[in-house]
């Protein structure tokens, strides 16, 4: 599975934000509490949102710690066979440690 660190992701977003699609697989209440700009596609509903995944971009999935986003990627890869999917290493907890909340 492809992974990206918070520092790498920040660099991607700073240098070419149009080439990255951020997907937040947390639940709506978690998304409202802290958001780095990702589209909300809860893991529990990921199959309903697969058509929104942009295969021509680096697609970065994230959640609180990186576990749910890993599961989302596994499900999408199995169903759609997409590559270019990345899991944010350590999730938003790692992002907060790097950049604050």
PDB file of N, CA and C in Angstrom:
ATOM      1  N   UNK A   1       0.842  -1.179   0.000  1.00  0.00           N
ATOM      2  CA  UNK A   1       0.000   0.000   0.000  1.00  0.00           C
ATOM      3  C   UNK A   1       0.888   1.243   0.000  1.00  0.00           C
ATOM      4  N   UNK A   2       0.529   2.193  -0.824  1.00  0.00           N
ATOM      5  CA  UNK A   2       1.242   3.469  -0.860  1.00  0.00           C
ATOM      6  C   UNK A   2       0.918   4.266   0.391  1.00  0.00           C
ATOM      7  N   UNK A   3       1.929   4.912   0.937  1.00  0.00           N
ATOM      8  CA  UNK A   3       1.721   5.776   2.096  1.00  0.00           C
ATOM      9  C   UNK A   3       2.346   7.139   1.815  1.00  0.00           C
ATOM     10  N   UNK A   4       1.888   8.121   2.552  1.00  0.00           N
ATOM     11  CA  UNK A   4       2.438   9.466   2.476  1.00  0.00           C
ATOM     12  C   UNK A   4       2.499  10.013   3.893  1.00  0.00           C
ATOM     13  N   UNK A   5       3.604  10.652   4.229  1.00  0.00           N
ATOM     14  CA  UNK A   5       3.745  11.257   5.553  1.00  0.00           C
ATOM     15  C   UNK A   5       3.048  12.619   5.554  1.00  0.00           C
ATOM     16  N   UNK A   6       2.761  13.140   6.733  1.00  0.00           N
ATOM     17  CA  UNK A   6       2.188  14.490   6.780  1.00  0.00           C
ATOM     18  C   UNK A   6       3.065  15.532   6.070  1.00  0.00           C
ATOM     19  N   UNK A   7       4.372  15.448   6.230  1.00  0.00           N
ATOM     20  CA  UNK A   7       5.267  16.409   5.572  1.00  0.00           C
ATOM     21  C   UNK A   7       5.195  16.294   4.050  1.00  0.00           C
ATOM     22  N   UNK A   8       5.185  15.067   3.539  1.00  0.00           N
ATOM     23  CA  UNK A   8       5.080  14.873   2.091  1.00  0.00           C
ATOM     24  C   UNK A   8       3.752  15.407   1.567  1.00  0.00           C
ATOM     25  N   UNK A   9       2.667  15.087   2.275  1.00  0.00           N
ATOM     26  CA  UNK A   9       1.352  15.557   1.855  1.00  0.00           C
ATOM     27  C   UNK A   9       1.298  17.078   1.845  1.00  0.00           C
ATOM     28  N   UNK A  10       1.822  17.708   2.877  1.00  0.00           N
ATOM     29  CA  UNK A  10       1.832  19.173   2.929  1.00  0.00           C
ATOM     30  C   UNK A  10       2.585  19.741   1.733  1.00  0.00           C
ATOM     31  N   UNK A  11       3.680  19.109   1.367  1.00  0.00           N
ATOM     32  CA  UNK A  11       4.449  19.548   0.206  1.00  0.00           C
ATOM     33  C   UNK A  11       3.631  19.408  -1.074  1.00  0.00           C
ATOM     34  N   UNK A  12       2.948  18.277  -1.236  1.00  0.00           N
ATOM     35  CA  UNK A  12       2.087  18.079  -2.410  1.00  0.00           C
ATOM     36  C   UNK A  12       1.032  19.179  -2.483  1.00  0.00           C
ATOM     37  N   UNK A  13       0.392  19.445  -1.352  1.00  0.00           N
ATOM     38  CA  UNK A  13      -0.688  20.436  -1.315  1.00  0.00           C
ATOM     39  C   UNK A  13      -0.170  21.851  -1.547  1.00  0.00           C
ATOM     40  N   UNK A  14       1.014  22.134  -1.052  1.00  0.00           N
ATOM     41  CA  UNK A  14       1.597  23.464  -1.251  1.00  0.00           C
ATOM     42  C   UNK A  14       2.042  23.677  -2.699  1.00  0.00           C
ATOM     43  N   UNK A  15       2.599  22.634  -3.312  1.00  0.00           N
ATOM     44  CA  UNK A  15       3.186  22.766  -4.647  1.00  0.00           C
ATOM     45  C   UNK A  15       2.209  22.552  -5.796  1.00  0.00           C
ATOM     46  N   UNK A  16       1.260  21.649  -5.627  1.00  0.00           N
ATOM     47  CA  UNK A  16       0.325  21.362  -6.722  1.00  0.00           C
ATOM     48  C   UNK A  16      -0.977  20.802  -6.157  1.00  0.00           C
ATOM     49  N   UNK A  17      -1.768  21.635  -5.493  1.00  0.00           N
ATOM     50  CA  UNK A  17      -2.979  21.138  -4.839  1.00  0.00           C
ATOM     51  C   UNK A  17      -3.983  20.503  -5.797  1.00  0.00           C
ATOM     52  N   UNK A  18      -3.980  20.917  -7.043  1.00  0.00           N
ATOM     53  CA  UNK A  18      -4.932  20.372  -8.008  1.00  0.00           C
ATOM     54  C   UNK A  18      -4.629  18.923  -8.368  1.00  0.00           C
ATOM     55  N   UNK A  19      -3.425  18.450  -8.024  1.00  0.00           N
ATOM     56  CA  UNK A  19      -3.059  17.074  -8.363  1.00  0.00           C
ATOM     57  C   UNK A  19      -3.403  16.085  -7.250  1.00  0.00           C
ATOM     58  N   UNK A  20      -4.009  16.581  -6.162  1.00  0.00           N
ATOM     59  CA  UNK A  20      -4.289  15.750  -4.988  1.00  0.00           C
ATOM     60  C   UNK A  20      -5.776  15.796  -4.659  1.00  0.00           C
ATOM     61  N   UNK A  21      -6.347  14.612  -4.399  1.00  0.00           N
ATOM     62  CA  UNK A  21      -7.707  14.526  -3.871  1.00  0.00           C
ATOM     63  C   UNK A  21      -7.602  13.980  -2.452  1.00  0.00           C
ATOM     64  N   UNK A  22      -8.087  14.731  -1.487  1.00  0.00           N
ATOM     65  CA  UNK A  22      -8.098  14.295  -0.090  1.00  0.00           C
ATOM     66  C   UNK A  22      -9.448  13.681   0.238  1.00  0.00           C
ATOM     67  N   UNK A  23      -9.410  12.510   0.871  1.00  0.00           N
ATOM     68  CA  UNK A  23     -10.650  11.840   1.261  1.00  0.00           C
ATOM     69  C   UNK A  23     -10.586  11.480   2.739  1.00  0.00           C
ATOM     70  N   UNK A  24     -11.533  12.002   3.485  1.00  0.00           N
ATOM     71  CA  UNK A  24     -11.668  11.783   4.922  1.00  0.00           C
ATOM     72  C   UNK A  24     -12.674  10.656   5.128  1.00  0.00           C
ATOM     73  N   UNK A  25     -12.231   9.526   5.702  1.00  0.00           N
ATOM     74  CA  UNK A  25     -13.131   8.381   5.869  1.00  0.00           C
ATOM     75  C   UNK A  25     -13.705   8.291   7.286  1.00  0.00           C
ATOM     76  N   UNK A  26     -13.543   9.370   8.060  1.00  0.00           N
ATOM     77  CA  UNK A  26     -14.125   9.390   9.403  1.00  0.00           C
ATOM     78  C   UNK A  26     -15.623   9.657   9.314  1.00  0.00           C
ATOM     79  N   UNK A  27     -16.267   9.640  10.446  1.00  0.00           N
ATOM     80  CA  UNK A  27     -17.695   9.917  10.520  1.00  0.00           C
ATOM     81  C   UNK A  27     -17.924  11.437  10.501  1.00  0.00           C
ATOM     82  N   UNK A  28     -19.128  11.876  10.115  1.00  0.00           N
ATOM     83  CA  UNK A  28     -19.401  13.315   9.989  1.00  0.00           C
ATOM     84  C   UNK A  28     -19.062  14.142  11.232  1.00  0.00           C
ATOM     85  N   UNK A  29     -19.359  13.634  12.427  1.00  0.00           N
ATOM     86  CA  UNK A  29     -19.075  14.415  13.630  1.00  0.00           C
ATOM     87  C   UNK A  29     -17.569  14.591  13.831  1.00  0.00           C
ATOM     88  N   UNK A  30     -16.773  13.596  13.474  1.00  0.00           N
ATOM     89  CA  UNK A  30     -15.317  13.725  13.570  1.00  0.00           C
ATOM     90  C   UNK A  30     -14.805  14.754  12.559  1.00  0.00           C
ATOM     91  N   UNK A  31     -15.377  14.716  11.371  1.00  0.00           N
ATOM     92  CA  UNK A  31     -15.000  15.637  10.293  1.00  0.00           C
ATOM     93  C   UNK A  31     -15.275  17.083  10.702  1.00  0.00           C
ATOM     94  N   UNK A  32     -16.403  17.298  11.362  1.00  0.00           N
ATOM     95  CA  UNK A  32     -16.758  18.650  11.808  1.00  0.00           C
ATOM     96  C   UNK A  32     -15.788  19.164  12.874  1.00  0.00           C
ATOM     97  N   UNK A  33     -15.263  18.266  13.704  1.00  0.00           N
ATOM     98  CA  UNK A  33     -14.368  18.662  14.791  1.00  0.00           C
ATOM     99  C   UNK A  33     -13.007  19.130  14.291  1.00  0.00           C
ATOM    100  N   UNK A  34     -12.480  18.477  13.251  1.00  0.00           N
ATOM    101  CA  UNK A  34     -11.166  18.830  12.715  1.00  0.00           C
ATOM    102  C   UNK A  34     -11.103  18.381  11.269  1.00  0.00           C
ATOM    103  N   UNK A  35     -10.763  19.298  10.382  1.00  0.00           N
ATOM    104  CA  UNK A  35     -10.813  19.018   8.945  1.00  0.00           C
ATOM    105  C   UNK A  35      -9.613  19.660   8.266  1.00  0.00           C
ATOM    106  N   UNK A  36      -8.912  18.902   7.418  1.00  0.00           N
ATOM    107  CA  UNK A  36      -7.793  19.466   6.661  1.00  0.00           C
ATOM    108  C   UNK A  36      -8.172  19.685   5.194  1.00  0.00           C
ATOM    109  N   UNK A  37      -9.468  19.649   4.924  1.00  0.00           N
ATOM    110  CA  UNK A  37      -9.924  19.969   3.577  1.00  0.00           C
ATOM    111  C   UNK A  37     -10.353  18.788   2.735  1.00  0.00           C
ATOM    112  N   UNK A  38     -10.424  17.607   3.333  1.00  0.00           N
ATOM    113  CA  UNK A  38     -10.805  16.424   2.569  1.00  0.00           C
ATOM    114  C   UNK A  38     -12.300  16.304   2.346  1.00  0.00           C
ATOM    115  N   UNK A  39     -12.641  15.572   1.300  1.00  0.00           N
ATOM    116  CA  UNK A  39     -14.043  15.247   1.027  1.00  0.00           C
ATOM    117  C   UNK A  39     -14.461  14.146   1.990  1.00  0.00           C
ATOM    118  N   UNK A  40     -15.608  14.289   2.597  1.00  0.00           N
ATOM    119  CA  UNK A  40     -16.091  13.302   3.550  1.00  0.00           C
ATOM    120  C   UNK A  40     -16.694  12.108   2.816  1.00  0.00           C
ATOM    121  N   UNK A  41     -16.104  10.928   3.042  1.00  0.00           N
ATOM    122  CA  UNK A  41     -16.613   9.661   2.515  1.00  0.00           C
ATOM    123  C   UNK A  41     -16.433   8.626   3.614  1.00  0.00           C
ATOM    124  N   UNK A  42     -17.343   8.577   4.600  1.00  0.00           N
ATOM    125  CA  UNK A  42     -17.164   7.675   5.736  1.00  0.00           C
ATOM    126  C   UNK A  42     -16.919   6.234   5.296  1.00  0.00           C
ATOM    127  N   UNK A  43     -16.042   5.560   6.012  1.00  0.00           N
ATOM    128  CA  UNK A  43     -15.732   4.168   5.703  1.00  0.00           C
ATOM    129  C   UNK A  43     -16.995   3.324   5.639  1.00  0.00           C
ATOM    130  N   UNK A  44     -17.943   3.613   6.517  1.00  0.00           N
ATOM    131  CA  UNK A  44     -19.185   2.835   6.552  1.00  0.00           C
ATOM    132  C   UNK A  44     -20.017   2.991   5.287  1.00  0.00           C
ATOM    133  N   UNK A  45     -19.712   4.029   4.487  1.00  0.00           N
ATOM    134  CA  UNK A  45     -20.464   4.293   3.253  1.00  0.00           C
ATOM    135  C   UNK A  45     -19.549   4.348   2.027  1.00  0.00           C
ATOM    136  N   UNK A  46     -18.322   3.859   2.138  1.00  0.00           N
ATOM    137  CA  UNK A  46     -17.328   4.066   1.089  1.00  0.00           C
ATOM    138  C   UNK A  46     -17.782   3.526  -0.265  1.00  0.00           C
ATOM    139  N   UNK A  47     -18.499   2.416  -0.287  1.00  0.00           N
ATOM    140  CA  UNK A  47     -18.943   1.856  -1.568  1.00  0.00           C
ATOM    141  C   UNK A  47     -19.901   2.795  -2.298  1.00  0.00           C
ATOM    142  N   UNK A  48     -20.638   3.598  -1.562  1.00  0.00           N
ATOM    143  CA  UNK A  48     -21.582   4.541  -2.165  1.00  0.00           C
ATOM    144  C   UNK A  48     -20.879   5.750  -2.792  1.00  0.00           C
ATOM    145  N   UNK A  49     -19.613   5.956  -2.464  1.00  0.00           N
ATOM    146  CA  UNK A  49     -18.887   7.149  -2.909  1.00  0.00           C
ATOM    147  C   UNK A  49     -17.773   6.849  -3.907  1.00  0.00           C
ATOM    148  N   UNK A  50     -17.582   5.599  -4.268  1.00  0.00           N
ATOM    149  CA  UNK A  50     -16.436   5.229  -5.101  1.00  0.00           C
ATOM    150  C   UNK A  50     -16.384   5.973  -6.434  1.00  0.00           C
ATOM    151  N   UNK A  51     -17.531   6.320  -6.974  1.00  0.00           N
ATOM    152  CA  UNK A  51     -17.543   7.026  -8.264  1.00  0.00           C
ATOM    153  C   UNK A  51     -16.957   8.431  -8.154  1.00  0.00           C
ATOM    154  N   UNK A  52     -16.811   8.959  -6.937  1.00  0.00           N
ATOM    155  CA  UNK A  52     -16.251  10.296  -6.734  1.00  0.00           C
ATOM    156  C   UNK A  52     -14.720  10.305  -6.689  1.00  0.00           C
ATOM    157  N   UNK A  53     -14.103   9.127  -6.707  1.00  0.00           N
ATOM    158  CA  UNK A  53     -12.650   9.042  -6.636  1.00  0.00           C
ATOM    159  C   UNK A  53     -12.059   9.398  -7.993  1.00  0.00           C
ATOM    160  N   UNK A  54     -11.141  10.337  -7.982  1.00  0.00           N
ATOM    161  CA  UNK A  54     -10.553  10.862  -9.218  1.00  0.00           C
ATOM    162  C   UNK A  54      -9.270  10.096  -9.544  1.00  0.00           C
ATOM    163  N   UNK A  55      -9.355   9.186 -10.502  1.00  0.00           N
ATOM    164  CA  UNK A  55      -8.238   8.282 -10.804  1.00  0.00           C
ATOM    165  C   UNK A  55      -7.056   8.984 -11.468  1.00  0.00           C
ATOM    166  N   UNK A  56      -7.212  10.225 -11.876  1.00  0.00           N
ATOM    167  CA  UNK A  56      -6.113  10.955 -12.512  1.00  0.00           C
ATOM    168  C   UNK A  56      -5.329  11.811 -11.512  1.00  0.00           C
ATOM    169  N   UNK A  57      -5.605  11.633 -10.224  1.00  0.00           N
ATOM    170  CA  UNK A  57      -4.918  12.392  -9.176  1.00  0.00           C
ATOM    171  C   UNK A  57      -4.290  11.440  -8.161  1.00  0.00           C
ATOM    172  N   UNK A  58      -3.418  12.001  -7.330  1.00  0.00           N
ATOM    173  CA  UNK A  58      -2.959  11.277  -6.143  1.00  0.00           C
ATOM    174  C   UNK A  58      -4.120  11.358  -5.164  1.00  0.00           C
ATOM    175  N   UNK A  59      -4.641  10.226  -4.766  1.00  0.00           N
ATOM    176  CA  UNK A  59      -5.793  10.198  -3.871  1.00  0.00           C
ATOM    177  C   UNK A  59      -5.309   9.783  -2.488  1.00  0.00           C
ATOM    178  N   UNK A  60      -5.423  10.701  -1.531  1.00  0.00           N
ATOM    179  CA  UNK A  60      -4.937  10.469  -0.175  1.00  0.00           C
ATOM    180  C   UNK A  60      -6.126  10.279   0.758  1.00  0.00           C
ATOM    181  N   UNK A  61      -6.155   9.117   1.392  1.00  0.00           N
ATOM    182  CA  UNK A  61      -7.193   8.785   2.361  1.00  0.00           C
ATOM    183  C   UNK A  61      -6.634   9.003   3.759  1.00  0.00           C
ATOM    184  N   UNK A  62      -7.487   9.508   4.648  1.00  0.00           N
ATOM    185  CA  UNK A  62      -7.041   9.679   6.020  1.00  0.00           C
ATOM    186  C   UNK A  62      -8.196   9.496   6.988  1.00  0.00           C
ATOM    187  N   UNK A  63      -7.824   9.209   8.229  1.00  0.00           N
ATOM    188  CA  UNK A  63      -8.764   9.107   9.346  1.00  0.00           C
ATOM    189  C   UNK A  63      -8.004   9.569  10.588  1.00  0.00           C
ATOM    190  N   UNK A  64      -8.415   9.172  11.741  1.00  0.00           N
ATOM    191  CA  UNK A  64      -7.755   9.639  12.961  1.00  0.00           C
ATOM    192  C   UNK A  64      -6.339   9.082  13.093  1.00  0.00           C
ATOM    193  N   UNK A  65      -6.179   7.749  12.903  1.00  0.00           N
ATOM    194  CA  UNK A  65      -4.885   7.102  13.137  1.00  0.00           C
ATOM    195  C   UNK A  65      -4.309   6.398  11.905  1.00  0.00           C
ATOM    196  N   UNK A  66      -5.104   6.238  10.861  1.00  0.00           N
ATOM    197  CA  UNK A  66      -4.621   5.579   9.654  1.00  0.00           C
ATOM    198  C   UNK A  66      -5.148   4.178   9.429  1.00  0.00           C
ATOM    199  N   UNK A  67      -5.958   3.672  10.338  1.00  0.00           N
ATOM    200  CA  UNK A  67      -6.473   2.306  10.211  1.00  0.00           C
ATOM    201  C   UNK A  67      -7.694   2.255   9.296  1.00  0.00           C
ATOM    202  N   UNK A  68      -8.678   3.106   9.551  1.00  0.00           N
ATOM    203  CA  UNK A  68      -9.879   3.105   8.700  1.00  0.00           C
ATOM    204  C   UNK A  68      -9.541   3.488   7.267  1.00  0.00           C
ATOM    205  N   UNK A  69      -8.615   4.416   7.102  1.00  0.00           N
ATOM    206  CA  UNK A  69      -8.230   4.810   5.741  1.00  0.00           C
ATOM    207  C   UNK A  69      -7.537   3.653   5.019  1.00  0.00           C
ATOM    208  N   UNK A  70      -6.764   2.862   5.747  1.00  0.00           N
ATOM    209  CA  UNK A  70      -6.137   1.681   5.159  1.00  0.00           C
ATOM    210  C   UNK A  70      -7.206   0.693   4.698  1.00  0.00           C
ATOM    211  N   UNK A  71      -8.213   0.481   5.510  1.00  0.00           N
ATOM    212  CA  UNK A  71      -9.314  -0.416   5.144  1.00  0.00           C
ATOM    213  C   UNK A  71     -10.059   0.104   3.919  1.00  0.00           C
ATOM    214  N   UNK A  72     -10.278   1.405   3.864  1.00  0.00           N
ATOM    215  CA  UNK A  72     -10.963   2.002   2.715  1.00  0.00           C
ATOM    216  C   UNK A  72     -10.170   1.745   1.436  1.00  0.00           C
ATOM    217  N   UNK A  73      -8.871   1.951   1.500  1.00  0.00           N
ATOM    218  CA  UNK A  73      -8.026   1.721   0.321  1.00  0.00           C
ATOM    219  C   UNK A  73      -8.101   0.262  -0.109  1.00  0.00           C
ATOM    220  N   UNK A  74      -8.025  -0.656   0.843  1.00  0.00           N
ATOM    221  CA  UNK A  74      -8.104  -2.080   0.510  1.00  0.00           C
ATOM    222  C   UNK A  74      -9.421  -2.409  -0.189  1.00  0.00           C
ATOM    223  N   UNK A  75     -10.506  -1.858   0.297  1.00  0.00           N
ATOM    224  CA  UNK A  75     -11.822  -2.118  -0.306  1.00  0.00           C
ATOM    225  C   UNK A  75     -11.905  -1.532  -1.716  1.00  0.00           C
ATOM    226  N   UNK A  76     -11.391  -0.334  -1.890  1.00  0.00           N
ATOM    227  CA  UNK A  76     -11.457   0.322  -3.194  1.00  0.00           C
ATOM    228  C   UNK A  76     -10.551  -0.380  -4.198  1.00  0.00           C
ATOM    229  N   UNK A  77      -9.350  -0.725  -3.770  1.00  0.00           N
ATOM    230  CA  UNK A  77      -8.441  -1.434  -4.673  1.00  0.00           C
ATOM    231  C   UNK A  77      -9.038  -2.762  -5.109  1.00  0.00           C
ATOM    232  N   UNK A  78      -9.678  -3.480  -4.174  1.00  0.00           N
ATOM    233  CA  UNK A  78     -10.292  -4.765  -4.508  1.00  0.00           C
ATOM    234  C   UNK A  78     -11.459  -4.588  -5.477  1.00  0.00           C
ATOM    235  N   UNK A  79     -12.230  -3.549  -5.298  1.00  0.00           N
ATOM    236  CA  UNK A  79     -13.420  -3.329  -6.128  1.00  0.00           C
ATOM    237  C   UNK A  79     -13.090  -2.686  -7.476  1.00  0.00           C
ATOM    238  N   UNK A  80     -12.237  -1.673  -7.477  1.00  0.00           N
ATOM    239  CA  UNK A  80     -11.988  -0.887  -8.684  1.00  0.00           C
ATOM    240  C   UNK A  80     -10.621  -1.126  -9.322  1.00  0.00           C
ATOM    241  N   UNK A  81      -9.705  -1.741  -8.581  1.00  0.00           N
ATOM    242  CA  UNK A  81      -8.372  -1.974  -9.108  1.00  0.00           C
ATOM    243  C   UNK A  81      -7.577  -0.708  -9.370  1.00  0.00           C
ATOM    244  N   UNK A  82      -7.849   0.351  -8.628  1.00  0.00           N
ATOM    245  CA  UNK A  82      -7.145   1.630  -8.816  1.00  0.00           C
ATOM    246  C   UNK A  82      -5.764   1.592  -8.185  1.00  0.00           C
ATOM    247  N   UNK A  83      -4.850   2.338  -8.784  1.00  0.00           N
ATOM    248  CA  UNK A  83      -3.567   2.595  -8.143  1.00  0.00           C
ATOM    249  C   UNK A  83      -3.515   4.091  -7.864  1.00  0.00           C
ATOM    250  N   UNK A  84      -2.439   4.573  -7.284  1.00  0.00           N
ATOM    251  CA  UNK A  84      -2.363   6.000  -6.972  1.00  0.00           C
ATOM    252  C   UNK A  84      -3.144   6.375  -5.739  1.00  0.00           C
ATOM    253  N   UNK A  85      -3.465   5.378  -4.902  1.00  0.00           N
ATOM    254  CA  UNK A  85      -4.158   5.637  -3.642  1.00  0.00           C
ATOM    255  C   UNK A  85      -3.122   5.632  -2.526  1.00  0.00           C
ATOM    256  N   UNK A  86      -3.209   6.606  -1.645  1.00  0.00           N
ATOM    257  CA  UNK A  86      -2.232   6.755  -0.569  1.00  0.00           C
ATOM    258  C   UNK A  86      -2.936   6.820   0.781  1.00  0.00           C
ATOM    259  N   UNK A  87      -2.295   6.224   1.786  1.00  0.00           N
ATOM    260  CA  UNK A  87      -2.776   6.290   3.149  1.00  0.00           C
ATOM    261  C   UNK A  87      -1.894   7.284   3.907  1.00  0.00           C
ATOM    262  N   UNK A  88      -2.509   8.245   4.587  1.00  0.00           N
ATOM    263  CA  UNK A  88      -1.755   9.203   5.391  1.00  0.00           C
ATOM    264  C   UNK A  88      -1.212   8.486   6.624  1.00  0.00           C
ATOM    265  N   UNK A  89       0.097   8.332   6.669  1.00  0.00           N
ATOM    266  CA  UNK A  89       0.766   7.617   7.756  1.00  0.00           C
ATOM    267  C   UNK A  89       0.458   8.280   9.094  1.00  0.00           C
ATOM    268  N   UNK A  90      -0.123   7.508  10.014  1.00  0.00           N
ATOM    269  CA  UNK A  90      -0.440   8.033  11.339  1.00  0.00           C
ATOM    270  C   UNK A  90      -1.705   8.868  11.399  1.00  0.00           C
ATOM    271  N   UNK A  91      -2.352   9.057  10.256  1.00  0.00           N
ATOM    272  CA  UNK A  91      -3.617   9.778  10.202  1.00  0.00           C
ATOM    273  C   UNK A  91      -3.513  11.210  10.691  1.00  0.00           C
ATOM    274  N   UNK A  92      -4.646  11.736  11.107  1.00  0.00           N
ATOM    275  CA  UNK A  92      -4.694  13.131  11.551  1.00  0.00           C
ATOM    276  C   UNK A  92      -3.955  13.355  12.865  1.00  0.00           C
ATOM    277  N   UNK A  93      -3.771  12.303  13.648  1.00  0.00           N
ATOM    278  CA  UNK A  93      -2.978  12.462  14.871  1.00  0.00           C
ATOM    279  C   UNK A  93      -1.543  12.829  14.510  1.00  0.00           C
ATOM    280  N   UNK A  94      -0.980  12.192  13.482  1.00  0.00           N
ATOM    281  CA  UNK A  94       0.370  12.527  13.013  1.00  0.00           C
ATOM    282  C   UNK A  94       0.393  13.921  12.403  1.00  0.00           C
ATOM    283  N   UNK A  95      -0.671  14.277  11.666  1.00  0.00           N
ATOM    284  CA  UNK A  95      -0.757  15.616  11.074  1.00  0.00           C
ATOM    285  C   UNK A  95      -0.736  16.679  12.180  1.00  0.00           C
ATOM    286  N   UNK A  96      -1.537  16.457  13.229  1.00  0.00           N
ATOM    287  CA  UNK A  96      -1.605  17.423  14.342  1.00  0.00           C
ATOM    288  C   UNK A  96      -0.268  17.547  15.042  1.00  0.00           C
ATOM    289  N   UNK A  97       0.457  16.442  15.216  1.00  0.00           N
ATOM    290  CA  UNK A  97       1.775  16.504  15.865  1.00  0.00           C
ATOM    291  C   UNK A  97       2.739  17.327  15.026  1.00  0.00           C
ATOM    292  N   UNK A  98       2.617  17.222  13.717  1.00  0.00           N
ATOM    293  CA  UNK A  98       3.512  17.934  12.807  1.00  0.00           C
ATOM    294  C   UNK A  98       3.157  19.409  12.667  1.00  0.00           C
ATOM    295  N   UNK A  99       1.845  19.679  12.544  1.00  0.00           N
ATOM    296  CA  UNK A  99       1.412  21.033  12.190  1.00  0.00           C
ATOM    297  C   UNK A  99       0.479  21.688  13.199  1.00  0.00           C
ATOM    298  N   UNK A 100       0.087  20.975  14.232  1.00  0.00           N
ATOM    299  CA  UNK A 100      -0.838  21.531  15.207  1.00  0.00           C
ATOM    300  C   UNK A 100      -2.282  21.348  14.762  1.00  0.00           C
ATOM    301  N   UNK A 101      -3.180  21.689  15.641  1.00  0.00           N
ATOM    302  CA  UNK A 101      -4.611  21.484  15.321  1.00  0.00           C
ATOM    303  C   UNK A 101      -5.291  22.760  14.915  1.00  0.00           C
TER     304      UNK A 101
END
